[in-house]
């Protein structure tokens, strides 16, 4: 497996923002990929999907910020960052366009 670069993380965030994309419909899958449930509580802060009852009271900007933080976590901070980042990248890059929330959040 090749060595992960900062540019790849930035490029994935850009891809996830292109064409008006905001967050994937199956946002919870991102949490599974980054192994959210295994993280220490202080690390979980700021990475939890803003879904269910929080969805309606959270701004689009905050949702996107959390999503981008999840990508950054996968690329910069996760213990198995290469494996986790590339799994996340594969998931996001292969999502059909209709499986994304766009600017209409």
C-alpha atoms as a PDB file:
ATOM      1  CA  UNK A   1       0.000   0.000   0.000  1.00  0.00           C
ATOM      2  CA  UNK A   2       1.335   3.429  -0.904  1.00  0.00           C
ATOM      3  CA  UNK A   3       2.087   6.063   1.714  1.00  0.00           C
ATOM      4  CA  UNK A   4      -0.762   8.491   2.350  1.00  0.00           C
ATOM      5  CA  UNK A   5      -0.062  12.154   1.590  1.00  0.00           C
ATOM      6  CA  UNK A   6      -1.573  15.384   2.860  1.00  0.00           C
ATOM      7  CA  UNK A   7      -2.516  16.224  -0.713  1.00  0.00           C
ATOM      8  CA  UNK A   8      -4.654  13.081  -0.956  1.00  0.00           C
ATOM      9  CA  UNK A   9      -6.636  14.122   2.126  1.00  0.00           C
ATOM     10  CA  UNK A  10      -7.150  17.617   0.724  1.00  0.00           C
ATOM     11  CA  UNK A  11      -8.127  16.181  -2.680  1.00  0.00           C
ATOM     12  CA  UNK A  12     -10.746  13.911  -1.111  1.00  0.00           C
ATOM     13  CA  UNK A  13     -12.286  16.831   0.772  1.00  0.00           C
ATOM     14  CA  UNK A  14     -12.355  18.802  -2.484  1.00  0.00           C
ATOM     15  CA  UNK A  15     -14.001  15.884  -4.296  1.00  0.00           C
ATOM     16  CA  UNK A  16     -16.638  15.680  -1.549  1.00  0.00           C
ATOM     17  CA  UNK A  17     -17.384  19.386  -2.062  1.00  0.00           C
ATOM     18  CA  UNK A  18     -17.447  19.381  -5.881  1.00  0.00           C
ATOM     19  CA  UNK A  19     -20.734  19.474  -7.787  1.00  0.00           C
ATOM     20  CA  UNK A  20     -22.500  20.865  -4.746  1.00  0.00           C
ATOM     21  CA  UNK A  21     -21.920  17.690  -2.683  1.00  0.00           C
ATOM     22  CA  UNK A  22     -22.267  18.098   1.073  1.00  0.00           C
ATOM     23  CA  UNK A  23     -22.408  14.745   2.869  1.00  0.00           C
ATOM     24  CA  UNK A  24     -23.299  11.171   1.870  1.00  0.00           C
ATOM     25  CA  UNK A  25     -26.846   9.955   2.552  1.00  0.00           C
ATOM     26  CA  UNK A  26     -25.393   7.004   4.451  1.00  0.00           C
ATOM     27  CA  UNK A  27     -23.293   9.230   6.660  1.00  0.00           C
ATOM     28  CA  UNK A  28     -23.326   6.654   9.395  1.00  0.00           C
ATOM     29  CA  UNK A  29     -21.178   4.392   7.158  1.00  0.00           C
ATOM     30  CA  UNK A  30     -18.387   6.960   7.443  1.00  0.00           C
ATOM     31  CA  UNK A  31     -18.447   6.476  11.228  1.00  0.00           C
ATOM     32  CA  UNK A  32     -18.199   2.714  10.759  1.00  0.00           C
ATOM     33  CA  UNK A  33     -15.206   3.069   8.438  1.00  0.00           C
ATOM     34  CA  UNK A  34     -13.311   5.387  10.801  1.00  0.00           C
ATOM     35  CA  UNK A  35     -14.126   2.961  13.640  1.00  0.00           C
ATOM     36  CA  UNK A  36     -15.826   5.696  15.647  1.00  0.00           C
ATOM     37  CA  UNK A  37     -17.166   3.319  18.293  1.00  0.00           C
ATOM     38  CA  UNK A  38     -13.583   2.290  19.206  1.00  0.00           C
ATOM     39  CA  UNK A  39     -12.378   5.848  19.759  1.00  0.00           C
ATOM     40  CA  UNK A  40     -11.822   7.404  23.148  1.00  0.00           C
ATOM     41  CA  UNK A  41     -14.589   9.847  24.134  1.00  0.00           C
ATOM     42  CA  UNK A  42     -12.293  12.874  23.833  1.00  0.00           C
ATOM     43  CA  UNK A  43     -11.458  11.828  20.240  1.00  0.00           C
ATOM     44  CA  UNK A  44     -15.108  11.142  19.382  1.00  0.00           C
ATOM     45  CA  UNK A  45     -15.972  14.750  20.140  1.00  0.00           C
ATOM     46  CA  UNK A  46     -16.385  16.584  16.872  1.00  0.00           C
ATOM     47  CA  UNK A  47     -16.564  13.412  14.761  1.00  0.00           C
ATOM     48  CA  UNK A  48     -20.091  12.178  15.483  1.00  0.00           C
ATOM     49  CA  UNK A  49     -22.588  12.430  12.623  1.00  0.00           C
ATOM     50  CA  UNK A  50     -25.256  15.025  13.214  1.00  0.00           C
ATOM     51  CA  UNK A  51     -28.200  12.762  12.472  1.00  0.00           C
ATOM     52  CA  UNK A  52     -31.539  11.803  14.023  1.00  0.00           C
ATOM     53  CA  UNK A  53     -32.912  14.483  16.358  1.00  0.00           C
ATOM     54  CA  UNK A  54     -29.850  16.725  15.936  1.00  0.00           C
ATOM     55  CA  UNK A  55     -30.253  16.824  12.124  1.00  0.00           C
ATOM     56  CA  UNK A  56     -32.963  19.491  12.118  1.00  0.00           C
ATOM     57  CA  UNK A  57     -31.275  21.840  14.558  1.00  0.00           C
ATOM     58  CA  UNK A  58     -27.825  21.734  12.979  1.00  0.00           C
ATOM     59  CA  UNK A  59     -26.768  24.001  10.139  1.00  0.00           C
ATOM     60  CA  UNK A  60     -25.569  22.657   6.804  1.00  0.00           C
ATOM     61  CA  UNK A  61     -22.181  24.233   7.515  1.00  0.00           C
ATOM     62  CA  UNK A  62     -21.823  22.346  10.809  1.00  0.00           C
ATOM     63  CA  UNK A  63     -22.757  19.032   9.175  1.00  0.00           C
ATOM     64  CA  UNK A  64     -20.181  19.576   6.427  1.00  0.00           C
ATOM     65  CA  UNK A  65     -17.558  20.616   8.992  1.00  0.00           C
ATOM     66  CA  UNK A  66     -18.044  17.369  10.939  1.00  0.00           C
ATOM     67  CA  UNK A  67     -17.910  15.327   7.728  1.00  0.00           C
ATOM     68  CA  UNK A  68     -14.652  17.006   6.683  1.00  0.00           C
ATOM     69  CA  UNK A  69     -13.251  16.468  10.180  1.00  0.00           C
ATOM     70  CA  UNK A  70     -14.006  12.759   9.778  1.00  0.00           C
ATOM     71  CA  UNK A  71     -12.029  12.692   6.534  1.00  0.00           C
ATOM     72  CA  UNK A  72      -9.141  14.559   8.182  1.00  0.00           C
ATOM     73  CA  UNK A  73      -9.226  12.159  11.126  1.00  0.00           C
ATOM     74  CA  UNK A  74      -9.009   9.188   8.741  1.00  0.00           C
ATOM     75  CA  UNK A  75      -6.041  10.743   6.975  1.00  0.00           C
ATOM     76  CA  UNK A  76      -4.081  12.348   9.776  1.00  0.00           C
ATOM     77  CA  UNK A  77      -4.938  10.835  13.132  1.00  0.00           C
ATOM     78  CA  UNK A  78      -6.342   7.330  12.945  1.00  0.00           C
ATOM     79  CA  UNK A  79      -4.119   4.526  14.200  1.00  0.00           C
ATOM     80  CA  UNK A  80      -4.461   2.578  10.944  1.00  0.00           C
ATOM     81  CA  UNK A  81      -4.657   5.753   8.878  1.00  0.00           C
ATOM     82  CA  UNK A  82      -3.556   4.367   5.524  1.00  0.00           C
ATOM     83  CA  UNK A  83      -6.025   1.466   5.642  1.00  0.00           C
ATOM     84  CA  UNK A  84      -8.895   3.533   7.046  1.00  0.00           C
ATOM     85  CA  UNK A  85      -8.327   6.497   4.743  1.00  0.00           C
ATOM     86  CA  UNK A  86      -8.208   4.395   1.590  1.00  0.00           C
ATOM     87  CA  UNK A  87     -11.328   2.469   2.627  1.00  0.00           C
ATOM     88  CA  UNK A  88     -13.127   5.768   3.237  1.00  0.00           C
ATOM     89  CA  UNK A  89     -11.858   7.199  -0.035  1.00  0.00           C
ATOM     90  CA  UNK A  90     -13.023   4.135  -1.946  1.00  0.00           C
ATOM     91  CA  UNK A  91     -16.467   4.356  -0.331  1.00  0.00           C
ATOM     92  CA  UNK A  92     -16.895   8.071  -1.071  1.00  0.00           C
ATOM     93  CA  UNK A  93     -15.469   8.067  -4.584  1.00  0.00           C
ATOM     94  CA  UNK A  94     -17.721   5.186  -5.600  1.00  0.00           C
ATOM     95  CA  UNK A  95     -20.958   6.644  -4.261  1.00  0.00           C
ATOM     96  CA  UNK A  96     -23.411   7.372  -7.039  1.00  0.00           C
ATOM     97  CA  UNK A  97     -24.277  11.058  -7.308  1.00  0.00           C
ATOM     98  CA  UNK A  98     -27.836  10.415  -6.101  1.00  0.00           C
ATOM     99  CA  UNK A  99     -26.459   9.024  -2.825  1.00  0.00           C
ATOM    100  CA  UNK A 100     -25.098  12.429  -1.795  1.00  0.00           C
ATOM    101  CA  UNK A 101     -26.841  15.323  -0.115  1.00  0.00           C
ATOM    102  CA  UNK A 102     -26.111  18.392  -2.109  1.00  0.00           C
ATOM    103  CA  UNK A 103     -26.450  22.072  -1.273  1.00  0.00           C
ATOM    104  CA  UNK A 104     -30.135  21.519  -0.506  1.00  0.00           C
ATOM    105  CA  UNK A 105     -29.322  20.213   2.966  1.00  0.00           C
END
